[in-house]
């Protein structure tokens, strides 16, 4: 997990996890990673995003699969009632 500036430049990874799963053909599994604001806040600016990169390998063939997910961060709207 790393931050990505509004210009598209990625920062250094600030969170890494490694999981091992053995799945039969056609099966799915879910891995959940909770990232708190306190954890990512020092790495992002006003217009930044978070990029999650996931990679997996098929042990029998050595085939590697990779996927990236870009999460845009939005500042919540502030509504004032006077």
Protein backbone atom coordinates (compact mmCIF):
# COMPACT_ATOMS: atom_id res chain seq x y z
CA UNK A 1 0.00 0.00 0.00
CA UNK A 2 1.43 3.36 -0.97
CA UNK A 3 0.26 6.88 -1.62
CA UNK A 4 -0.03 8.30 -5.13
CA UNK A 5 0.28 12.03 -5.72
CA UNK A 6 -2.20 13.86 -7.96
CA UNK A 7 0.56 13.89 -10.59
CA UNK A 8 0.58 10.08 -10.68
CA UNK A 9 3.90 9.67 -8.86
CA UNK A 10 3.79 6.85 -6.30
CA UNK A 11 5.43 7.20 -2.90
CA UNK A 12 7.24 4.48 -0.98
CA UNK A 13 5.18 1.60 0.35
CA UNK A 14 4.11 2.19 3.94
CA UNK A 15 2.26 -1.08 4.53
CA UNK A 16 2.98 -4.61 3.32
CA UNK A 17 1.36 -7.90 4.20
CA UNK A 18 1.99 -11.40 2.97
CA UNK A 19 -0.65 -14.12 2.98
CA UNK A 20 -0.49 -17.68 1.74
CA UNK A 21 -3.59 -19.50 0.51
CA UNK A 22 -4.09 -22.81 -1.25
CA UNK A 23 -7.24 -22.79 -3.37
CA UNK A 24 -8.74 -25.50 -5.54
CA UNK A 25 -9.59 -24.54 -9.15
CA UNK A 26 -12.57 -22.19 -9.39
CA UNK A 27 -12.54 -21.28 -5.70
CA UNK A 28 -12.29 -17.78 -4.23
CA UNK A 29 -11.01 -16.39 -0.97
CA UNK A 30 -11.08 -12.95 0.61
CA UNK A 31 -8.29 -11.25 2.54
CA UNK A 32 -9.24 -8.14 4.51
CA UNK A 33 -6.76 -5.40 5.31
CA UNK A 34 -7.96 -2.58 7.54
CA UNK A 35 -6.02 0.66 7.24
CA UNK A 36 -6.77 3.40 9.75
CA UNK A 37 -6.62 7.12 9.05
CA UNK A 38 -3.78 7.44 11.57
CA UNK A 39 -1.77 4.95 9.52
CA UNK A 40 -2.16 6.53 6.06
CA UNK A 41 -2.55 10.22 7.02
CA UNK A 42 1.21 10.97 7.26
CA UNK A 43 1.68 9.68 3.69
CA UNK A 44 -1.04 11.56 1.80
CA UNK A 45 -1.71 15.16 0.83
CA UNK A 46 -4.88 17.03 -0.16
CA UNK A 47 -5.33 15.49 -3.62
CA UNK A 48 -3.67 12.12 -3.19
CA UNK A 49 -4.91 8.56 -3.53
CA UNK A 50 -3.93 5.18 -2.11
CA UNK A 51 -2.70 2.42 -4.39
CA UNK A 52 -3.03 -1.20 -3.34
CA UNK A 53 -1.01 -3.71 -5.33
CA UNK A 54 -1.79 -7.41 -5.00
CA UNK A 55 0.23 -10.23 -6.53
CA UNK A 56 -0.25 -13.96 -6.51
CA UNK A 57 1.57 -16.95 -7.94
CA UNK A 58 0.50 -20.38 -9.12
CA UNK A 59 2.94 -22.78 -7.47
CA UNK A 60 2.57 -25.53 -10.08
CA UNK A 61 3.25 -23.31 -13.10
CA UNK A 62 5.09 -20.30 -11.65
CA UNK A 63 2.53 -18.01 -13.33
CA UNK A 64 2.28 -14.64 -11.57
CA UNK A 65 -0.88 -12.55 -11.44
CA UNK A 66 -0.99 -8.92 -10.30
CA UNK A 67 -3.73 -6.35 -9.79
CA UNK A 68 -3.72 -2.71 -8.68
CA UNK A 69 -6.55 -0.79 -7.05
CA UNK A 70 -6.46 3.00 -6.85
CA UNK A 71 -8.60 4.53 -4.09
CA UNK A 72 -9.23 8.25 -4.42
CA UNK A 73 -9.53 10.06 -1.11
CA UNK A 74 -12.19 12.74 -0.78
CA UNK A 75 -12.48 15.36 1.91
CA UNK A 76 -15.96 15.19 3.40
CA UNK A 77 -18.21 18.15 2.72
CA UNK A 78 -18.67 20.56 5.58
CA UNK A 79 -22.20 21.83 6.10
CA UNK A 80 -22.83 24.68 8.53
CA UNK A 81 -26.26 25.65 9.75
CA UNK A 82 -26.52 29.09 11.37
